[in-house]
Protein backbone atom coordinates (compact mmCIF):
# COMPACT_ATOMS: atom_id res chain seq x y z
CA MET A 1 -10.76 2.44 17.13
CA LEU A 2 -8.56 0.45 14.78
CA VAL A 3 -9.03 1.39 11.12
CA LEU A 4 -7.52 -0.31 8.09
CA GLY A 5 -7.32 2.27 5.30
CA ILE A 6 -7.02 0.96 1.75
CA ASP A 7 -6.00 2.71 -1.47
CA PRO A 8 -7.14 0.11 -4.01
CA GLY A 9 -5.33 -0.71 -7.22
CA THR A 10 -4.70 -3.85 -9.24
CA LEU A 11 -0.94 -3.30 -9.46
CA ARG A 12 -0.30 -1.41 -6.22
CA MET A 13 -2.61 -1.46 -3.22
CA GLY A 14 -1.70 0.85 -0.37
CA TYR A 15 -2.69 -0.03 3.18
CA GLY A 16 -2.46 1.79 6.47
CA LEU A 17 -3.48 0.63 9.93
CA LEU A 18 -4.42 3.47 12.29
CA SER A 19 -5.33 3.49 15.95
CA SER A 20 -7.21 6.46 17.33
CA ASP A 21 -6.57 6.56 21.06
CA PRO A 22 -5.69 9.10 22.23
CA GLN A 23 -4.47 10.61 18.93
CA PRO A 24 -4.28 8.99 15.49
CA GLU A 25 -1.21 6.78 15.19
CA ALA A 26 0.09 4.67 12.31
CA GLU A 27 0.47 1.11 13.55
CA ASP A 28 1.57 -0.27 10.16
CA TYR A 29 1.50 0.78 6.52
CA GLY A 30 2.89 -0.21 3.16
CA VAL A 31 2.12 -1.25 -0.38
CA VAL A 32 1.20 -4.60 -1.87
CA SER A 33 2.83 -4.60 -5.33
CA LEU A 34 1.98 -7.14 -7.99
CA PRO A 35 3.63 -7.72 -11.39
CA SER A 36 1.86 -6.18 -14.38
CA LYS A 37 2.50 -9.37 -16.36
CA MET A 38 0.40 -11.38 -13.91
CA PRO A 39 -3.10 -11.99 -15.32
CA LEU A 40 -5.75 -9.68 -13.83
CA GLU A 41 -7.73 -12.50 -12.24
CA GLN A 42 -4.57 -13.70 -10.45
CA ARG A 43 -3.79 -10.17 -9.22
CA LEU A 44 -7.34 -9.82 -7.89
CA TYR A 45 -7.05 -13.19 -6.15
CA GLN A 46 -3.71 -12.16 -4.62
CA LEU A 47 -5.23 -8.87 -3.41
CA HIS A 48 -8.14 -10.79 -1.87
CA THR A 49 -5.68 -13.07 -0.07
CA HIS A 50 -3.70 -10.06 1.20
CA ILE A 51 -6.86 -8.36 2.48
CA LEU A 52 -7.93 -11.49 4.35
CA ASN A 53 -4.41 -11.82 5.82
CA MET A 54 -4.44 -8.18 6.95
CA ILE A 55 -7.81 -8.68 8.59
CA SER A 56 -6.53 -11.82 10.31
CA VAL A 57 -3.33 -10.19 11.55
CA PHE A 58 -4.53 -6.63 12.33
CA HIS A 59 -8.13 -7.28 13.51
CA PRO A 60 -9.43 -3.89 12.34
CA GLU A 61 -12.76 -2.66 13.67
CA VAL A 62 -13.56 -0.99 10.35
CA ILE A 63 -12.11 -0.76 6.86
CA ALA A 64 -12.05 2.54 4.99
CA VAL A 65 -11.47 2.49 1.24
CA GLU A 66 -11.05 5.15 -1.42
CA ARG A 67 -13.78 5.22 -4.08
CA PRO A 68 -12.70 5.13 -7.73
CA PHE A 69 -12.48 8.49 -9.45
CA VAL A 70 -13.18 8.93 -13.15
CA GLY A 71 -11.44 12.10 -14.30
CA ARG A 72 -12.08 14.07 -17.46
CA GLY A 73 -9.33 12.34 -19.38
CA GLU A 74 -10.75 8.92 -18.52
CA ARG A 75 -14.25 9.34 -19.98
CA ASN A 76 -13.27 7.89 -23.34
CA PHE A 77 -11.12 5.21 -21.76
CA PRO A 78 -12.23 4.37 -18.22
CA GLY A 79 -9.69 1.53 -17.83
CA PRO A 80 -7.87 2.93 -14.78
CA ALA A 81 -11.11 3.66 -12.92
CA LEU A 82 -12.45 0.23 -13.85
CA ALA A 83 -9.32 -1.46 -12.50
CA VAL A 84 -9.55 0.52 -9.25
CA GLY A 85 -13.22 -0.46 -9.01
CA GLN A 86 -12.29 -4.13 -9.37
CA ALA A 87 -9.66 -3.78 -6.64
CA GLN A 88 -12.18 -1.96 -4.45
CA ALA A 89 -14.65 -4.83 -4.96
CA VAL A 90 -12.02 -7.27 -3.67
CA VAL A 91 -11.70 -5.16 -0.50
CA LEU A 92 -15.49 -4.98 -0.08
CA ILE A 93 -15.83 -8.76 -0.47
CA GLY A 94 -12.99 -9.41 1.98
CA ALA A 95 -14.50 -7.09 4.60
CA ALA A 96 -18.01 -8.47 4.10
CA SER A 97 -16.79 -12.06 4.40
CA GLN A 98 -15.35 -11.24 7.83
CA GLY A 99 -18.26 -9.08 9.02
CA ILE A 100 -16.21 -5.90 9.17
CA PRO A 101 -18.00 -2.60 8.51
CA ILE A 102 -16.67 -0.77 5.47
CA PHE A 103 -16.76 2.93 4.66
CA SER A 104 -15.84 4.47 1.33
CA TYR A 105 -14.76 8.03 0.63
CA SER A 106 -14.16 10.02 -2.53
CA PRO A 107 -10.69 11.46 -3.19
CA ALA A 108 -12.00 15.03 -2.70
CA GLU A 109 -13.68 14.04 0.59
CA ILE A 110 -10.41 12.53 1.83
CA LYS A 111 -8.34 15.55 0.84
CA SER A 112 -10.84 17.98 2.38
CA SER A 113 -10.94 16.06 5.66
CA VAL A 114 -7.23 15.45 6.02
CA ALA A 115 -5.62 18.51 4.39
CA ASP A 116 -8.54 20.99 4.53
CA PHE A 117 -8.10 21.38 0.77
CA GLY A 118 -10.03 19.19 -1.68
CA ALA A 119 -7.53 19.75 -4.48
CA ALA A 120 -4.35 18.94 -2.52
CA SER A 121 -1.58 17.33 -4.56
CA LYS A 122 -0.21 13.87 -3.82
CA GLU A 123 2.96 15.45 -2.42
CA GLN A 124 0.97 17.75 -0.15
CA MET A 125 -1.06 14.81 1.11
CA GLN A 126 2.10 12.81 1.81
CA GLN A 127 3.50 15.71 3.84
CA VAL A 128 0.26 16.28 5.76
CA VAL A 129 -0.05 12.57 6.59
CA ALA A 130 3.57 12.37 7.78
CA ALA A 131 3.16 15.49 9.94
CA THR A 132 -0.24 14.49 11.35
CA LEU A 133 0.95 11.02 12.32
CA GLY A 134 4.43 12.14 13.45
CA LEU A 135 6.18 9.83 10.99
CA LYS A 136 9.95 10.14 10.71
CA GLU A 137 9.86 9.47 6.97
CA THR A 138 7.32 10.45 4.36
CA PRO A 139 5.47 7.31 3.27
CA GLU A 140 5.40 6.44 -0.43
CA SER A 141 2.39 7.68 -2.35
CA ASP A 142 0.10 4.61 -2.21
CA ALA A 143 0.78 4.03 1.50
CA ALA A 144 0.19 7.74 2.23
CA ASP A 145 -3.07 7.54 0.29
CA ALA A 146 -4.19 4.57 2.41
CA LEU A 147 -3.23 6.37 5.63
CA SER A 148 -5.21 9.40 4.35
CA VAL A 149 -8.29 7.23 3.86
CA GLY A 150 -7.97 5.93 7.42
CA LEU A 151 -7.43 9.45 8.78
CA CYS A 152 -10.48 10.66 6.88
CA HIS A 153 -12.57 7.97 8.54
CA LEU A 154 -11.24 8.83 12.01
CA ILE A 155 -11.91 12.55 11.47
CA LYS A 156 -15.44 11.92 10.18
CA SER A 157 -16.17 9.45 12.99
CA ARG A 158 -15.04 11.92 15.65
CA SER A 159 -17.10 14.70 14.08
CA ALA A 160 -20.18 12.50 13.95
CA ALA A 161 -19.68 11.38 17.57
CA ALA A 162 -19.23 14.97 18.74
CA LEU A 163 -22.34 16.01 16.86
CA ARG A 164 -24.38 13.16 18.35
CA GLN A 165 -23.14 14.07 21.82
CA GLU A 166 -24.00 17.73 21.28
CA ILE A 167 -27.50 16.96 19.98
CA SER A 168 -28.44 14.15 22.40
CA PRO A 169 -28.58 16.06 25.74
CA GLY A 170 -31.13 18.59 24.46
CA PHE A 171 -33.25 16.08 22.58
CA GLU A 172 -36.65 15.45 24.14
CA ARG A 173 -39.52 13.29 22.93
């Protein structure tokens, strides 16, 4: 399976391309950075263009994206979560326009799946991702987040497949 993991943001969007056979491997990863002085609608358009280019170049089978999180400090001013939601929408539209299945995961779900600890710090996640994928260097935060999203999807997909396989042989109608 070839998974494109995305950590959405309107200024920095992390991406990570993972293959799953036989073990998870990072094929490519990085960060799309856009200038804060660029108008929001232009940044969203640029992100859309980047997503379509990644789909065209990488040919992912699925796209996994991190869902926006609204923390306690953001209830009175949800700007950051709103911006992440807008960036996530760009990813959803790009995937839908190309007929690619999309899966979204919460930050806690990603951390629990990848690091076995739902409250892992960014630094811990970077280290776990680097170790799991056998990377020589620790990826920068947004790229590590995107790789984490992709790893989460691979882990959940394998668990679901194993469960289906375990249940199917004994199932009778």
